[in-house]
Amino acid sequence: MKLLLQFPEGLKQFAMQHARKYESEGHEVFISATPNFGACDLAIEEAKAIGAEKLIHFGHAEFARVDFPVEYIFHTVDASLDTLPEALPELEKYNTIGLVTTIQHVHQIEEVKAFFEKAGKTVLIGKPYGFAKHNGQILGCDIGSAASLDRKVDCFVYFGGGLFHPLGAVYSTTKPFLAIDPFIRKQMWLDSYRQEHKKRERAKIMRSIEAKRFGILVSTKNGQTNMNLAKVLKKKTELSGCEAAILIANTFDFDYLNNLMEFDAFVNTACPRLTTDDNERLRKPLLSANNLIELLSLRSSSIKEKA
C-alpha cells in the first residue's frame, strides 16, 4: 500500500523510524514535510497528489471526518505524577477542581483525579462539546471540557506540558487556573494571562473603530474551513456601510498578509488561536468574529447617538 505519513512538528524527529517500520511491512512510504498544526490540518491534498491510498497521521485524535482514508496514531506520554504533591499547597483553599489535560495524557487523567480525591478534593472531569474526543481533553481550539465546568468548580487544574493548550481554556473560563507541568516540575497560576487577553481584545476593537475595509480570512484546511461564517460576516460588514473581501489560503503567512495594504483590519474565521496568539505579527488588527460583531455594534450605537 502507498502511504503518506504526517507528523506534528514535535514528532517529525521520529519520522524516519516510523517510515522504516512501514517499509519493512512492504508498504511504499512517503513523509509529509509541510508544517502541521494538528488534526485540523491533514495532508489530504498531498496524499491525493502522490496517489497514496492512506494518510497516517501521528500525534492527534480524529478531529473531523474527511473524504479520504486516515489512520490516527496517538502519541501517549507517561508523565511523572511525582510533582502532584507539590501542587497541593497551591490548591489548599479550593475544594472542587476541574481537571483537564491533552491527548498525550488522557490515559493518565484518572490517576491524577484519584490523587487529588485522596487529598480530600472533589474532582470533576468535563465532557468535550466540539472537536475533542475524550473527557477532560482540551485542544488549542476546543476547550469544552473546561468551559462546561466553569460554574461547577472552584478552580481548574491543567496537567501537561507547555502553555499553548491551557491558555485557550483560560481565555474561555472565569475561575482560577493552575497549570502543573510535570516535565519541568513547575506549577503556575495563569489568571494574569486572562486579564491581559481581555485588555488586548478590547484594544484591537478600539484600533479598528475607524476601519472601512475588512479582509475576512478563510482557511482551506480540512478542520478550519468556515465559509458560511465568512459570508455572514461579509454581509454584516457591508450592511454597516463598510467594504469586505474574503481572503483564501491554506496556511496564512502573515508577512504576505501585510502586503494587502488596502485593508484596515482582518477578521479570522480559521484557527481561533491565530486571533489570540499571532495578532502582533500583523500591521493591522486581526479580529475574531465576535470582535467584529462587537465592533459593528459599537459603531452602530455611536451613529445613533450622533443622530
C-alpha atoms as a PDB file:
ATOM      1  CA  MET A   1       0.000   0.000   0.000  1.00  0.00           C
ATOM      2  CA  LYS A   2       1.196   3.516  -0.778  1.00  0.00           C
ATOM      3  CA  LEU A   3       1.220   5.556   2.448  1.00  0.00           C
ATOM      4  CA  LEU A   4       1.799   9.189   3.357  1.00  0.00           C
ATOM      5  CA  LEU A   5       2.968   9.740   6.936  1.00  0.00           C
ATOM      6  CA  GLN A   6       2.221  13.057   8.629  1.00  0.00           C
ATOM      7  CA  PHE A   7       3.691  14.307  11.910  1.00  0.00           C
ATOM      8  CA  PRO A   8       3.206  17.448  14.011  1.00  0.00           C
ATOM      9  CA  GLU A   9       6.360  19.480  14.454  1.00  0.00           C
ATOM     10  CA  GLY A  10       7.323  17.890  17.784  1.00  0.00           C
ATOM     11  CA  LEU A  11       7.221  14.372  16.328  1.00  0.00           C
ATOM     12  CA  LYS A  12       8.943  14.968  12.983  1.00  0.00           C
ATOM     13  CA  GLN A  13      12.189  13.840  14.630  1.00  0.00           C
ATOM     14  CA  PHE A  14      10.765  10.292  14.674  1.00  0.00           C
ATOM     15  CA  ALA A  15       9.554  10.288  11.062  1.00  0.00           C
ATOM     16  CA  MET A  16      12.291   8.090   9.604  1.00  0.00           C
ATOM     17  CA  GLN A  17      11.974   5.316  12.180  1.00  0.00           C
ATOM     18  CA  HIS A  18       8.247   5.060  11.504  1.00  0.00           C
ATOM     19  CA  ALA A  19       8.870   5.102   7.749  1.00  0.00           C
ATOM     20  CA  ARG A  20      11.309   2.185   8.071  1.00  0.00           C
ATOM     21  CA  LYS A  21       8.730   0.230  10.061  1.00  0.00           C
ATOM     22  CA  TYR A  22       6.076   0.559   7.375  1.00  0.00           C
ATOM     23  CA  GLU A  23       8.579  -0.144   4.602  1.00  0.00           C
ATOM     24  CA  SER A  24       9.607  -3.351   6.374  1.00  0.00           C
ATOM     25  CA  GLU A  25       5.943  -4.403   6.156  1.00  0.00           C
ATOM     26  CA  GLY A  26       6.023  -3.977   2.382  1.00  0.00           C
ATOM     27  CA  HIS A  27       4.458  -0.530   2.042  1.00  0.00           C
ATOM     28  CA  GLU A  28       5.638   2.286  -0.204  1.00  0.00           C
ATOM     29  CA  VAL A  29       6.127   5.186   2.191  1.00  0.00           C
ATOM     30  CA  PHE A  30       6.298   8.955   1.814  1.00  0.00           C
ATOM     31  CA  ILE A  31       6.681  11.579   4.556  1.00  0.00           C
ATOM     32  CA  SER A  32       4.852  14.915   4.543  1.00  0.00           C
ATOM     33  CA  ALA A  33       7.300  17.771   5.109  1.00  0.00           C
ATOM     34  CA  THR A  34       4.723  20.561   5.265  1.00  0.00           C
ATOM     35  CA  PRO A  35       4.053  22.283   8.605  1.00  0.00           C
ATOM     36  CA  ASN A  36       1.316  20.626  10.615  1.00  0.00           C
ATOM     37  CA  PHE A  37      -0.843  22.369  13.197  1.00  0.00           C
ATOM     38  CA  GLY A  38      -2.967  19.448  14.349  1.00  0.00           C
ATOM     39  CA  ALA A  39      -5.628  17.032  13.156  1.00  0.00           C
ATOM     40  CA  CYS A  40      -7.445  20.046  11.684  1.00  0.00           C
ATOM     41  CA  ASP A  41      -4.597  20.217   9.171  1.00  0.00           C
ATOM     42  CA  LEU A  42      -4.450  16.844   7.408  1.00  0.00           C
ATOM     43  CA  ALA A  43      -2.215  16.450   4.342  1.00  0.00           C
ATOM     44  CA  ILE A  44      -5.101  15.204   2.200  1.00  0.00           C
ATOM     45  CA  GLU A  45      -4.168  17.108  -0.948  1.00  0.00           C
ATOM     46  CA  GLU A  46      -0.549  15.904  -0.738  1.00  0.00           C
ATOM     47  CA  ALA A  47      -1.762  12.322  -0.281  1.00  0.00           C
ATOM     48  CA  LYS A  48      -4.032  12.557  -3.317  1.00  0.00           C
ATOM     49  CA  ALA A  49      -1.303  14.216  -5.390  1.00  0.00           C
ATOM     50  CA  ILE A  50       1.049  11.250  -4.972  1.00  0.00           C
ATOM     51  CA  GLY A  51      -1.674   8.638  -5.292  1.00  0.00           C
ATOM     52  CA  ALA A  52      -1.423   7.486  -1.671  1.00  0.00           C
ATOM     53  CA  GLU A  53      -4.055   5.031  -0.519  1.00  0.00           C
ATOM     54  CA  LYS A  54      -3.971   6.140   3.109  1.00  0.00           C
ATOM     55  CA  LEU A  55      -2.757   9.017   5.245  1.00  0.00           C
ATOM     56  CA  ILE A  56      -1.320   8.024   8.618  1.00  0.00           C
ATOM     57  CA  HIS A  57      -1.485  10.957  11.000  1.00  0.00           C
ATOM     58  CA  PHE A  58       0.556  10.828  14.197  1.00  0.00           C
ATOM     59  CA  GLY A  59       0.044  12.623  17.474  1.00  0.00           C
ATOM     60  CA  HIS A  60      -3.614  13.613  17.402  1.00  0.00           C
ATOM     61  CA  ALA A  61      -7.068  12.121  17.747  1.00  0.00           C
ATOM     62  CA  GLU A  62      -9.668  12.366  14.988  1.00  0.00           C
ATOM     63  CA  PHE A  63     -10.816  15.966  14.595  1.00  0.00           C
ATOM     64  CA  ALA A  64     -13.337  15.995  11.768  1.00  0.00           C
ATOM     65  CA  ARG A  65     -14.466  13.496   9.157  1.00  0.00           C
ATOM     66  CA  VAL A  66     -12.794  13.726   5.766  1.00  0.00           C
ATOM     67  CA  ASP A  67     -13.352  12.059   2.405  1.00  0.00           C
ATOM     68  CA  PHE A  68     -10.063  10.150   2.459  1.00  0.00           C
ATOM     69  CA  PRO A  69      -8.771   7.138   4.432  1.00  0.00           C
ATOM     70  CA  VAL A  70      -6.935   8.418   7.523  1.00  0.00           C
ATOM     71  CA  GLU A  71      -5.440   6.378  10.342  1.00  0.00           C
ATOM     72  CA  TYR A  72      -4.798   8.274  13.580  1.00  0.00           C
ATOM     73  CA  ILE A  73      -1.975   7.123  15.836  1.00  0.00           C
ATOM     74  CA  PHE A  74      -1.840   8.688  19.282  1.00  0.00           C
ATOM     75  CA  HIS A  75       1.457   9.638  20.828  1.00  0.00           C
ATOM     76  CA  THR A  76       0.848   8.993  24.513  1.00  0.00           C
ATOM     77  CA  VAL A  77       3.287  10.203  27.126  1.00  0.00           C
ATOM     78  CA  ASP A  78       3.582   8.735  30.632  1.00  0.00           C
ATOM     79  CA  ALA A  79       4.414  11.855  32.620  1.00  0.00           C
ATOM     80  CA  SER A  80       5.603  11.504  36.181  1.00  0.00           C
ATOM     81  CA  LEU A  81       2.975  12.147  38.847  1.00  0.00           C
ATOM     82  CA  ASP A  82       5.639  12.897  41.456  1.00  0.00           C
ATOM     83  CA  THR A  83       5.082  16.631  41.088  1.00  0.00           C
ATOM     84  CA  LEU A  84       1.418  16.463  42.140  1.00  0.00           C
ATOM     85  CA  PRO A  85       2.109  16.687  45.912  1.00  0.00           C
ATOM     86  CA  GLU A  86       3.952  19.952  45.285  1.00  0.00           C
ATOM     87  CA  ALA A  87       0.730  21.451  43.905  1.00  0.00           C
ATOM     88  CA  LEU A  88      -1.371  20.721  46.984  1.00  0.00           C
ATOM     89  CA  PRO A  89      -0.333  23.865  48.921  1.00  0.00           C
ATOM     90  CA  GLU A  90      -1.407  25.947  45.917  1.00  0.00           C
ATOM     91  CA  LEU A  91      -4.842  24.327  45.994  1.00  0.00           C
ATOM     92  CA  GLU A  92      -5.413  24.463  49.730  1.00  0.00           C
ATOM     93  CA  LYS A  93      -8.378  26.867  49.642  1.00  0.00           C
ATOM     94  CA  TYR A  94     -10.146  25.203  46.701  1.00  0.00           C
ATOM     95  CA  ASN A  95     -12.485  22.271  47.271  1.00  0.00           C
ATOM     96  CA  THR A  96     -13.819  21.432  43.814  1.00  0.00           C
ATOM     97  CA  ILE A  97     -11.347  21.107  40.947  1.00  0.00           C
ATOM     98  CA  GLY A  98     -11.998  20.919  37.215  1.00  0.00           C
ATOM     99  CA  LEU A  99      -9.279  18.704  35.712  1.00  0.00           C
ATOM    100  CA  VAL A 100      -8.122  18.979  32.085  1.00  0.00           C
ATOM    101  CA  THR A 101      -5.232  17.673  30.013  1.00  0.00           C
ATOM    102  CA  THR A 102      -4.147  16.952  26.429  1.00  0.00           C
ATOM    103  CA  ILE A 103      -4.491  13.836  24.293  1.00  0.00           C
ATOM    104  CA  GLN A 104      -0.957  12.804  25.335  1.00  0.00           C
ATOM    105  CA  HIS A 105      -2.045  12.409  28.975  1.00  0.00           C
ATOM    106  CA  VAL A 106      -5.743  11.498  28.733  1.00  0.00           C
ATOM    107  CA  HIS A 107      -4.812   7.942  29.698  1.00  0.00           C
ATOM    108  CA  GLN A 108      -3.423   9.322  32.999  1.00  0.00           C
ATOM    109  CA  ILE A 109      -6.295  11.610  33.913  1.00  0.00           C
ATOM    110  CA  GLU A 110      -7.989   9.074  36.213  1.00  0.00           C
ATOM    111  CA  GLU A 111      -4.722   8.635  38.137  1.00  0.00           C
ATOM    112  CA  VAL A 112      -4.409  12.390  38.581  1.00  0.00           C
ATOM    113  CA  LYS A 113      -8.040  12.572  39.657  1.00  0.00           C
ATOM    114  CA  ALA A 114      -7.530   9.778  42.206  1.00  0.00           C
ATOM    115  CA  PHE A 115      -4.543  11.589  43.714  1.00  0.00           C
ATOM    116  CA  PHE A 116      -6.485  14.793  44.358  1.00  0.00           C
ATOM    117  CA  GLU A 117      -9.512  12.905  45.643  1.00  0.00           C
ATOM    118  CA  LYS A 118      -7.282  11.091  48.112  1.00  0.00           C
ATOM    119  CA  ALA A 119      -6.131  14.536  49.250  1.00  0.00           C
ATOM    120  CA  GLY A 120      -9.757  15.454  50.004  1.00  0.00           C
ATOM    121  CA  LYS A 121     -10.667  17.314  46.823  1.00  0.00           C
ATOM    122  CA  THR A 122     -13.760  16.877  44.701  1.00  0.00           C
ATOM    123  CA  VAL A 123     -12.571  16.431  41.117  1.00  0.00           C
ATOM    124  CA  LEU A 124     -14.759  16.933  38.033  1.00  0.00           C
ATOM    125  CA  ILE A 125     -13.792  15.946  34.506  1.00  0.00           C
ATOM    126  CA  GLY A 126     -15.807  17.691  31.827  1.00  0.00           C
ATOM    127  CA  LYS A 127     -17.148  16.406  28.541  1.00  0.00           C
ATOM    128  CA  PRO A 128     -15.992  17.978  25.285  1.00  0.00           C
ATOM    129  CA  TYR A 129     -18.614  19.565  23.060  1.00  0.00           C
ATOM    130  CA  GLY A 130     -16.564  20.424  19.979  1.00  0.00           C
ATOM    131  CA  PHE A 131     -13.765  18.611  18.201  1.00  0.00           C
ATOM    132  CA  ALA A 132     -12.105  16.908  21.188  1.00  0.00           C
ATOM    133  CA  LYS A 133     -12.972  13.241  21.576  1.00  0.00           C
ATOM    134  CA  HIS A 134     -12.178  12.412  25.211  1.00  0.00           C
ATOM    135  CA  ASN A 135     -13.474  13.589  28.570  1.00  0.00           C
ATOM    136  CA  GLY A 136     -11.086  16.086  30.102  1.00  0.00           C
ATOM    137  CA  GLN A 137      -9.272  16.637  26.817  1.00  0.00           C
ATOM    138  CA  ILE A 138      -8.656  20.163  25.589  1.00  0.00           C
ATOM    139  CA  LEU A 139      -7.356  21.329  22.243  1.00  0.00           C
ATOM    140  CA  GLY A 140      -5.984  24.709  21.330  1.00  0.00           C
ATOM    141  CA  CYS A 141      -9.335  25.405  19.668  1.00  0.00           C
ATOM    142  CA  ASP A 142     -11.702  23.267  21.765  1.00  0.00           C
ATOM    143  CA  ILE A 143     -11.918  23.950  25.463  1.00  0.00           C
ATOM    144  CA  GLY A 144     -15.353  22.455  26.060  1.00  0.00           C
ATOM    145  CA  SER A 145     -14.092  20.080  28.747  1.00  0.00           C
ATOM    146  CA  ALA A 146     -13.150  23.143  30.797  1.00  0.00           C
ATOM    147  CA  ALA A 147     -15.890  25.612  29.848  1.00  0.00           C
ATOM    148  CA  SER A 148     -18.611  23.061  30.629  1.00  0.00           C
ATOM    149  CA  LEU A 149     -17.429  23.039  34.270  1.00  0.00           C
ATOM    150  CA  ASP A 150     -16.896  26.749  34.838  1.00  0.00           C
ATOM    151  CA  ARG A 151     -19.967  27.188  37.064  1.00  0.00           C
ATOM    152  CA  LYS A 152     -19.393  23.959  38.971  1.00  0.00           C
ATOM    153  CA  VAL A 153     -15.786  24.263  40.183  1.00  0.00           C
ATOM    154  CA  ASP A 154     -13.717  26.481  42.447  1.00  0.00           C
ATOM    155  CA  CYS A 155     -10.672  26.298  40.201  1.00  0.00           C
ATOM    156  CA  PHE A 156      -9.145  24.435  37.276  1.00  0.00           C
ATOM    157  CA  VAL A 157      -6.039  22.265  37.106  1.00  0.00           C
ATOM    158  CA  TYR A 158      -4.252  21.503  33.847  1.00  0.00           C
ATOM    159  CA  PHE A 159      -1.825  18.577  33.856  1.00  0.00           C
ATOM    160  CA  GLY A 160       0.636  18.556  30.973  1.00  0.00           C
ATOM    161  CA  GLY A 161       3.492  20.348  29.284  1.00  0.00           C
ATOM    162  CA  GLY A 162       3.557  23.887  27.950  1.00  0.00           C
ATOM    163  CA  LEU A 163       1.014  26.690  27.984  1.00  0.00           C
ATOM    164  CA  PHE A 164      -0.480  26.518  24.492  1.00  0.00           C
ATOM    165  CA  HIS A 165      -3.397  24.249  25.415  1.00  0.00           C
ATOM    166  CA  PRO A 166      -4.290  25.617  28.852  1.00  0.00           C
ATOM    167  CA  LEU A 167      -4.241  29.248  27.714  1.00  0.00           C
ATOM    168  CA  GLY A 168      -7.095  28.548  25.317  1.00  0.00           C
ATOM    169  CA  ALA A 169      -9.102  27.263  28.277  1.00  0.00           C
ATOM    170  CA  VAL A 170      -8.049  30.171  30.482  1.00  0.00           C
ATOM    171  CA  TYR A 171      -9.411  32.694  27.981  1.00  0.00           C
ATOM    172  CA  SER A 172     -12.815  30.989  27.974  1.00  0.00           C
ATOM    173  CA  THR A 173     -13.303  30.417  31.706  1.00  0.00           C
ATOM    174  CA  THR A 174     -13.576  32.615  34.787  1.00  0.00           C
ATOM    175  CA  LYS A 175     -12.182  30.549  37.686  1.00  0.00           C
ATOM    176  CA  PRO A 176      -8.577  30.431  38.996  1.00  0.00           C
ATOM    177  CA  PHE A 177      -6.480  28.243  36.702  1.00  0.00           C
ATOM    178  CA  LEU A 178      -3.391  26.286  37.795  1.00  0.00           C
ATOM    179  CA  ALA A 179      -1.081  24.623  35.255  1.00  0.00           C
ATOM    180  CA  ILE A 180       1.013  21.714  36.516  1.00  0.00           C
ATOM    181  CA  ASP A 181       3.903  20.909  34.189  1.00  0.00           C
ATOM    182  CA  PRO A 182       5.347  17.511  35.171  1.00  0.00           C
ATOM    183  CA  PHE A 183       8.289  17.872  32.804  1.00  0.00           C
ATOM    184  CA  ILE A 184       9.795  20.948  34.435  1.00  0.00           C
ATOM    185  CA  ARG A 185       8.218  20.272  37.854  1.00  0.00           C
ATOM    186  CA  LYS A 186       6.530  23.648  37.980  1.00  0.00           C
ATOM    187  CA  GLN A 187       3.095  24.962  38.977  1.00  0.00           C
ATOM    188  CA  MET A 188       1.857  28.258  37.623  1.00  0.00           C
ATOM    189  CA  TRP A 189      -1.354  30.247  38.079  1.00  0.00           C
ATOM    190  CA  LEU A 190      -2.455  31.549  34.683  1.00  0.00           C
ATOM    191  CA  ASP A 191      -5.078  34.116  35.701  1.00  0.00           C
ATOM    192  CA  SER A 192      -2.900  37.084  34.737  1.00  0.00           C
ATOM    193  CA  TYR A 193      -2.970  35.851  31.137  1.00  0.00           C
ATOM    194  CA  ARG A 194      -6.768  36.071  31.209  1.00  0.00           C
ATOM    195  CA  GLN A 195      -6.675  39.725  32.238  1.00  0.00           C
ATOM    196  CA  GLU A 196      -4.069  40.572  29.606  1.00  0.00           C
ATOM    197  CA  HIS A 197      -6.134  38.780  26.971  1.00  0.00           C
ATOM    198  CA  LYS A 198      -9.207  40.874  27.809  1.00  0.00           C
ATOM    199  CA  LYS A 199      -7.176  44.064  27.520  1.00  0.00           C
ATOM    200  CA  ARG A 200      -5.739  43.023  24.150  1.00  0.00           C
ATOM    201  CA  GLU A 201      -9.156  42.107  22.785  1.00  0.00           C
ATOM    202  CA  ARG A 202     -10.545  45.490  23.792  1.00  0.00           C
ATOM    203  CA  ALA A 203      -7.537  47.289  22.321  1.00  0.00           C
ATOM    204  CA  LYS A 204      -7.955  45.528  18.963  1.00  0.00           C
ATOM    205  CA  ILE A 205     -11.565  46.603  18.734  1.00  0.00           C
ATOM    206  CA  MET A 206     -10.701  50.215  19.532  1.00  0.00           C
ATOM    207  CA  ARG A 207      -7.858  50.176  16.977  1.00  0.00           C
ATOM    208  CA  SER A 208     -10.395  49.080  14.361  1.00  0.00           C
ATOM    209  CA  ILE A 209     -13.094  51.585  15.245  1.00  0.00           C
ATOM    210  CA  GLU A 210     -12.397  53.694  12.137  1.00  0.00           C
ATOM    211  CA  ALA A 211     -11.736  50.747   9.798  1.00  0.00           C
ATOM    212  CA  LYS A 212     -13.600  50.894   6.479  1.00  0.00           C
ATOM    213  CA  ARG A 213     -12.253  47.849   4.618  1.00  0.00           C
ATOM    214  CA  PHE A 214     -12.050  44.354   6.136  1.00  0.00           C
ATOM    215  CA  GLY A 215     -10.283  41.222   4.886  1.00  0.00           C
ATOM    216  CA  ILE A 216     -12.029  38.060   6.106  1.00  0.00           C
ATOM    217  CA  LEU A 217      -9.676  35.065   6.349  1.00  0.00           C
ATOM    218  CA  VAL A 218     -10.923  31.625   5.270  1.00  0.00           C
ATOM    219  CA  SER A 219      -8.622  28.609   5.513  1.00  0.00           C
ATOM    220  CA  THR A 220      -8.865  25.597   3.206  1.00  0.00           C
ATOM    221  CA  LYS A 221      -7.555  23.242   5.913  1.00  0.00           C
ATOM    222  CA  ASN A 222      -9.912  20.325   6.444  1.00  0.00           C
ATOM    223  CA  GLY A 223     -10.831  21.250  10.019  1.00  0.00           C
ATOM    224  CA  GLN A 224     -10.677  25.027   9.743  1.00  0.00           C
ATOM    225  CA  THR A 225     -12.810  25.944   6.740  1.00  0.00           C
ATOM    226  CA  ASN A 226     -15.754  28.132   7.703  1.00  0.00           C
ATOM    227  CA  MET A 227     -17.012  29.727   4.513  1.00  0.00           C
ATOM    228  CA  ASN A 228     -20.587  30.102   5.771  1.00  0.00           C
ATOM    229  CA  LEU A 229     -19.429  32.217   8.715  1.00  0.00           C
ATOM    230  CA  ALA A 230     -17.225  34.295   6.427  1.00  0.00           C
ATOM    231  CA  LYS A 231     -20.156  35.063   4.110  1.00  0.00           C
ATOM    232  CA  VAL A 232     -22.352  36.071   7.046  1.00  0.00           C
ATOM    233  CA  LEU A 233     -19.632  38.396   8.368  1.00  0.00           C
ATOM    234  CA  LYS A 234     -19.063  39.886   4.925  1.00  0.00           C
ATOM    235  CA  LYS A 235     -22.757  40.674   4.571  1.00  0.00           C
ATOM    236  CA  LYS A 236     -22.970  42.213   8.055  1.00  0.00           C
ATOM    237  CA  THR A 237     -19.901  44.326   7.356  1.00  0.00           C
ATOM    238  CA  GLU A 238     -21.274  45.604   4.059  1.00  0.00           C
ATOM    239  CA  LEU A 239     -24.671  46.355   5.592  1.00  0.00           C
ATOM    240  CA  SER A 240     -22.836  48.552   8.093  1.00  0.00           C
ATOM    241  CA  GLY A 241     -21.521  50.662   5.217  1.00  0.00           C
ATOM    242  CA  CYS A 242     -18.021  49.170   5.036  1.00  0.00           C
ATOM    243  CA  GLU A 243     -16.266  47.068   2.405  1.00  0.00           C
ATOM    244  CA  ALA A 244     -15.224  43.448   2.869  1.00  0.00           C
ATOM    245  CA  ALA A 245     -13.487  40.728   0.872  1.00  0.00           C
ATOM    246  CA  ILE A 246     -12.957  37.048   1.641  1.00  0.00           C
ATOM    247  CA  LEU A 247      -9.291  36.013   1.550  1.00  0.00           C
ATOM    248  CA  ILE A 248      -8.478  32.344   0.878  1.00  0.00           C
ATOM    249  CA  ALA A 249      -5.348  30.417   1.872  1.00  0.00           C
ATOM    250  CA  ASN A 250      -4.332  27.056   3.255  1.00  0.00           C
ATOM    251  CA  THR A 251      -1.792  28.499   5.677  1.00  0.00           C
ATOM    252  CA  PHE A 252      -1.914  32.230   6.318  1.00  0.00           C
ATOM    253  CA  ASP A 253       1.553  33.740   6.086  1.00  0.00           C
ATOM    254  CA  PHE A 254       1.384  36.997   7.997  1.00  0.00           C
ATOM    255  CA  ASP A 255       4.240  38.531   6.018  1.00  0.00           C
ATOM    256  CA  TYR A 256       2.150  38.126   2.880  1.00  0.00           C
ATOM    257  CA  LEU A 257      -0.995  39.390   4.589  1.00  0.00           C
ATOM    258  CA  ASN A 258       0.921  42.543   5.477  1.00  0.00           C
ATOM    259  CA  ASN A 259       1.246  43.186   1.734  1.00  0.00           C
ATOM    260  CA  LEU A 260      -2.540  43.518   1.448  1.00  0.00           C
ATOM    261  CA  MET A 261      -2.293  47.143   2.461  1.00  0.00           C
ATOM    262  CA  GLU A 262      -5.753  48.133   1.192  1.00  0.00           C
ATOM    263  CA  PHE A 263      -7.341  46.520   4.247  1.00  0.00           C
ATOM    264  CA  ASP A 264      -7.714  48.377   7.523  1.00  0.00           C
ATOM    265  CA  ALA A 265      -8.330  45.216   9.575  1.00  0.00           C
ATOM    266  CA  PHE A 266      -8.580  41.467   9.150  1.00  0.00           C
ATOM    267  CA  VAL A 267     -11.199  39.060  10.521  1.00  0.00           C
ATOM    268  CA  ASN A 268     -10.264  35.459  11.316  1.00  0.00           C
ATOM    269  CA  THR A 269     -12.596  32.505  10.674  1.00  0.00           C
ATOM    270  CA  ALA A 270      -9.824  29.866  10.635  1.00  0.00           C
ATOM    271  CA  CYS A 271      -7.991  28.544  13.700  1.00  0.00           C
ATOM    272  CA  PRO A 272      -9.143  30.738  16.615  1.00  0.00           C
ATOM    273  CA  ARG A 273      -5.644  30.744  18.070  1.00  0.00           C
ATOM    274  CA  LEU A 274      -4.474  32.924  15.188  1.00  0.00           C
ATOM    275  CA  THR A 275      -6.501  35.737  16.712  1.00  0.00           C
ATOM    276  CA  THR A 276      -5.220  35.310  20.254  1.00  0.00           C
ATOM    277  CA  ASP A 277      -1.620  34.204  19.672  1.00  0.00           C
ATOM    278  CA  ASP A 278      -0.439  35.799  16.441  1.00  0.00           C
ATOM    279  CA  ASN A 279      -2.122  39.189  16.237  1.00  0.00           C
ATOM    280  CA  GLU A 280       1.082  41.123  16.920  1.00  0.00           C
ATOM    281  CA  ARG A 281       2.646  39.748  13.732  1.00  0.00           C
ATOM    282  CA  LEU A 282       0.255  41.807  11.617  1.00  0.00           C
ATOM    283  CA  ARG A 283       0.470  45.533  10.992  1.00  0.00           C
ATOM    284  CA  LYS A 284      -3.326  45.731  11.054  1.00  0.00           C
ATOM    285  CA  PRO A 285      -5.667  44.377  13.765  1.00  0.00           C
ATOM    286  CA  LEU A 286      -6.732  40.734  13.486  1.00  0.00           C
ATOM    287  CA  LEU A 287     -10.261  40.384  14.845  1.00  0.00           C
ATOM    288  CA  SER A 288     -12.290  37.332  15.764  1.00  0.00           C
ATOM    289  CA  ALA A 289     -15.870  37.001  14.524  1.00  0.00           C
ATOM    290  CA  ASN A 290     -17.092  38.096  17.953  1.00  0.00           C
ATOM    291  CA  ASN A 291     -14.722  41.072  17.900  1.00  0.00           C
ATOM    292  CA  LEU A 292     -16.176  42.168  14.566  1.00  0.00           C
ATOM    293  CA  ILE A 293     -19.779  41.856  15.759  1.00  0.00           C
ATOM    294  CA  GLU A 294     -18.922  43.913  18.850  1.00  0.00           C
ATOM    295  CA  LEU A 295     -17.155  46.498  16.702  1.00  0.00           C
ATOM    296  CA  LEU A 296     -20.093  46.865  14.321  1.00  0.00           C
ATOM    297  CA  SER A 297     -22.462  47.161  17.283  1.00  0.00           C
ATOM    298  CA  LEU A 298     -20.353  49.930  18.842  1.00  0.00           C
ATOM    299  CA  ARG A 299     -20.262  51.841  15.583  1.00  0.00           C
ATOM    300  CA  SER A 300     -23.991  51.480  15.124  1.00  0.00           C
ATOM    301  CA  SER A 301     -24.634  52.780  18.625  1.00  0.00           C
ATOM    302  CA  SER A 302     -22.281  55.700  18.027  1.00  0.00           C
ATOM    303  CA  ILE A 303     -24.098  56.644  14.826  1.00  0.00           C
ATOM    304  CA  LYS A 304     -27.476  56.543  16.570  1.00  0.00           C
ATOM    305  CA  GLU A 305     -26.189  58.749  19.389  1.00  0.00           C
ATOM    306  CA  LYS A 306     -24.897  61.345  16.919  1.00  0.00           C
ATOM    307  CA  ALA A 307     -28.232  61.303  15.081  1.00  0.00           C
END
